[in-house]
Amino acid sequence: MGTKKASPTSKVKSSATGKKKITEEHVRKLAQKIYESRINKGTPGNAESDWLQAEKELNGVK
């Protein structure tokens, strides 16, 4: 029987040190979702605050 390759299920990969490797693409995609949510709710903000919020969320900062 052949072996199955594990498919990556996480958007953020872990490095050898166990820390998350967050790419600009990850931040960009999450910032876009934050922007869309903010606009739909009518919440004030800007692209910079969306980007910073995305970085915080991806780094596990609350």
N, C-alpha and C. Protein backbone atom coordinates (compact mmCIF):
# COMPACT_ATOMS: atom_id res chain seq x y z
N MET A 1 0.84 -1.19 0.00
CA MET A 1 0.00 0.00 0.00
C MET A 1 0.88 1.25 0.00
N GLY A 2 0.39 2.30 -0.68
CA GLY A 2 1.11 3.57 -0.72
C GLY A 2 0.86 4.36 0.55
N THR A 3 1.74 5.27 0.81
CA THR A 3 1.56 6.12 1.98
C THR A 3 0.92 7.42 1.56
N LYS A 4 0.12 7.95 2.43
CA LYS A 4 -0.54 9.23 2.17
C LYS A 4 0.37 10.36 2.61
N LYS A 5 0.41 11.39 1.82
CA LYS A 5 1.12 12.60 2.23
C LYS A 5 0.16 13.45 3.04
N ALA A 6 0.68 14.00 4.11
CA ALA A 6 -0.15 14.89 4.92
C ALA A 6 -0.36 16.19 4.16
N SER A 7 -1.60 16.59 4.05
CA SER A 7 -1.88 17.86 3.38
C SER A 7 -1.89 18.97 4.41
N PRO A 8 -1.30 20.11 4.08
CA PRO A 8 -1.29 21.21 5.04
C PRO A 8 -2.70 21.74 5.24
N THR A 9 -3.12 21.82 6.48
CA THR A 9 -4.46 22.33 6.78
C THR A 9 -4.40 23.72 7.38
N SER A 10 -3.24 24.13 7.81
CA SER A 10 -3.10 25.44 8.43
C SER A 10 -2.58 26.45 7.42
N LYS A 11 -3.07 27.67 7.53
CA LYS A 11 -2.59 28.73 6.66
C LYS A 11 -1.21 29.21 7.09
N VAL A 12 -0.89 29.01 8.35
CA VAL A 12 0.38 29.46 8.88
C VAL A 12 1.19 28.23 9.26
N LYS A 13 2.36 28.08 8.65
CA LYS A 13 3.18 26.92 8.90
C LYS A 13 4.10 27.17 10.09
N SER A 14 4.44 26.09 10.78
CA SER A 14 5.37 26.19 11.89
C SER A 14 6.78 25.95 11.38
N SER A 15 7.72 26.67 11.92
CA SER A 15 9.11 26.47 11.56
C SER A 15 9.71 25.40 12.46
N ALA A 16 10.96 25.09 12.26
CA ALA A 16 11.64 24.07 13.05
C ALA A 16 11.69 24.44 14.53
N THR A 17 11.63 25.73 14.83
CA THR A 17 11.68 26.17 16.22
C THR A 17 10.32 26.16 16.89
N GLY A 18 9.30 25.84 16.12
CA GLY A 18 7.95 25.80 16.68
C GLY A 18 7.21 27.13 16.57
N LYS A 19 7.89 28.15 16.10
CA LYS A 19 7.25 29.46 15.93
C LYS A 19 6.52 29.48 14.60
N LYS A 20 5.46 30.24 14.55
CA LYS A 20 4.68 30.36 13.31
C LYS A 20 5.43 31.22 12.30
N LYS A 21 5.42 30.76 11.07
CA LYS A 21 6.01 31.54 9.99
C LYS A 21 4.86 32.25 9.28
N ILE A 22 4.77 33.53 9.51
CA ILE A 22 3.68 34.32 8.96
C ILE A 22 4.21 35.09 7.76
N THR A 23 3.56 34.88 6.64
CA THR A 23 3.98 35.57 5.42
C THR A 23 3.14 36.81 5.18
N GLU A 24 3.64 37.66 4.30
CA GLU A 24 2.90 38.86 3.94
C GLU A 24 1.55 38.49 3.32
N GLU A 25 1.53 37.39 2.59
CA GLU A 25 0.27 36.93 1.97
C GLU A 25 -0.77 36.58 3.03
N HIS A 26 -0.34 35.94 4.11
CA HIS A 26 -1.26 35.60 5.20
C HIS A 26 -1.87 36.87 5.79
N VAL A 27 -1.00 37.85 6.04
CA VAL A 27 -1.46 39.11 6.63
C VAL A 27 -2.41 39.81 5.66
N ARG A 28 -2.04 39.84 4.38
CA ARG A 28 -2.87 40.51 3.38
C ARG A 28 -4.27 39.91 3.30
N LYS A 29 -4.34 38.60 3.28
CA LYS A 29 -5.65 37.94 3.17
C LYS A 29 -6.52 38.20 4.40
N LEU A 30 -5.92 38.12 5.57
CA LEU A 30 -6.69 38.37 6.79
C LEU A 30 -7.08 39.84 6.89
N ALA A 31 -6.18 40.74 6.51
CA ALA A 31 -6.49 42.17 6.54
C ALA A 31 -7.67 42.47 5.61
N GLN A 32 -7.73 41.79 4.48
CA GLN A 32 -8.85 41.98 3.55
C GLN A 32 -10.16 41.54 4.20
N LYS A 33 -10.13 40.41 4.91
CA LYS A 33 -11.34 39.93 5.59
C LYS A 33 -11.75 40.90 6.70
N ILE A 34 -10.77 41.42 7.42
CA ILE A 34 -11.06 42.39 8.49
C ILE A 34 -11.67 43.65 7.88
N TYR A 35 -11.11 44.10 6.76
CA TYR A 35 -11.64 45.28 6.07
C TYR A 35 -13.09 45.06 5.66
N GLU A 36 -13.37 43.93 5.01
CA GLU A 36 -14.73 43.64 4.55
C GLU A 36 -15.71 43.59 5.72
N SER A 37 -15.30 42.97 6.80
CA SER A 37 -16.16 42.90 7.99
C SER A 37 -16.40 44.30 8.56
N ARG A 38 -15.33 45.09 8.61
CA ARG A 38 -15.44 46.44 9.16
C ARG A 38 -16.37 47.30 8.32
N ILE A 39 -16.25 47.21 7.01
CA ILE A 39 -17.10 47.99 6.11
C ILE A 39 -18.56 47.55 6.25
N ASN A 40 -18.80 46.25 6.30
CA ASN A 40 -20.17 45.74 6.44
C ASN A 40 -20.83 46.19 7.74
N LYS A 41 -20.03 46.35 8.79
CA LYS A 41 -20.56 46.78 10.08
C LYS A 41 -20.60 48.30 10.21
N GLY A 42 -19.97 48.99 9.27
CA GLY A 42 -19.94 50.46 9.34
C GLY A 42 -18.97 50.97 10.40
N THR A 43 -18.00 50.15 10.76
CA THR A 43 -17.03 50.52 11.78
C THR A 43 -15.94 51.38 11.16
N PRO A 44 -15.58 52.49 11.80
CA PRO A 44 -14.51 53.32 11.25
C PRO A 44 -13.15 52.62 11.35
N GLY A 45 -12.25 52.97 10.48
CA GLY A 45 -10.91 52.40 10.48
C GLY A 45 -10.23 52.71 9.17
N ASN A 46 -9.06 52.11 8.98
CA ASN A 46 -8.31 52.33 7.74
C ASN A 46 -7.47 51.10 7.43
N ALA A 47 -6.81 51.12 6.30
CA ALA A 47 -6.02 49.98 5.85
C ALA A 47 -4.92 49.63 6.84
N GLU A 48 -4.29 50.64 7.42
CA GLU A 48 -3.21 50.39 8.37
C GLU A 48 -3.72 49.67 9.62
N SER A 49 -4.86 50.09 10.15
CA SER A 49 -5.40 49.43 11.34
C SER A 49 -5.83 48.00 11.02
N ASP A 50 -6.35 47.79 9.81
CA ASP A 50 -6.73 46.42 9.40
C ASP A 50 -5.49 45.54 9.33
N TRP A 51 -4.41 46.06 8.77
CA TRP A 51 -3.16 45.31 8.63
C TRP A 51 -2.58 44.96 10.00
N LEU A 52 -2.54 45.95 10.90
CA LEU A 52 -2.00 45.72 12.24
C LEU A 52 -2.84 44.71 13.01
N GLN A 53 -4.15 44.79 12.86
CA GLN A 53 -5.04 43.83 13.51
C GLN A 53 -4.79 42.42 12.98
N ALA A 54 -4.60 42.29 11.68
CA ALA A 54 -4.32 40.98 11.07
C ALA A 54 -3.01 40.41 11.62
N GLU A 55 -1.98 41.25 11.72
CA GLU A 55 -0.70 40.78 12.27
C GLU A 55 -0.88 40.31 13.70
N LYS A 56 -1.62 41.06 14.51
CA LYS A 56 -1.85 40.67 15.91
C LYS A 56 -2.56 39.34 15.99
N GLU A 57 -3.60 39.18 15.20
CA GLU A 57 -4.37 37.92 15.23
C GLU A 57 -3.52 36.73 14.80
N LEU A 58 -2.72 36.91 13.77
CA LEU A 58 -1.88 35.82 13.30
C LEU A 58 -0.77 35.47 14.29
N ASN A 59 -0.35 36.45 15.06
CA ASN A 59 0.69 36.21 16.08
C ASN A 59 0.11 35.77 17.41
N GLY A 60 -1.21 35.65 17.47
CA GLY A 60 -1.86 35.19 18.70
C GLY A 60 -1.98 36.24 19.78
N VAL A 61 -1.84 37.50 19.41
CA VAL A 61 -1.98 38.60 20.37
C VAL A 61 -3.43 39.02 20.41
N LYS A 62 -3.95 39.18 21.61
CA LYS A 62 -5.36 39.58 21.73
C LYS A 62 -5.49 41.03 22.02
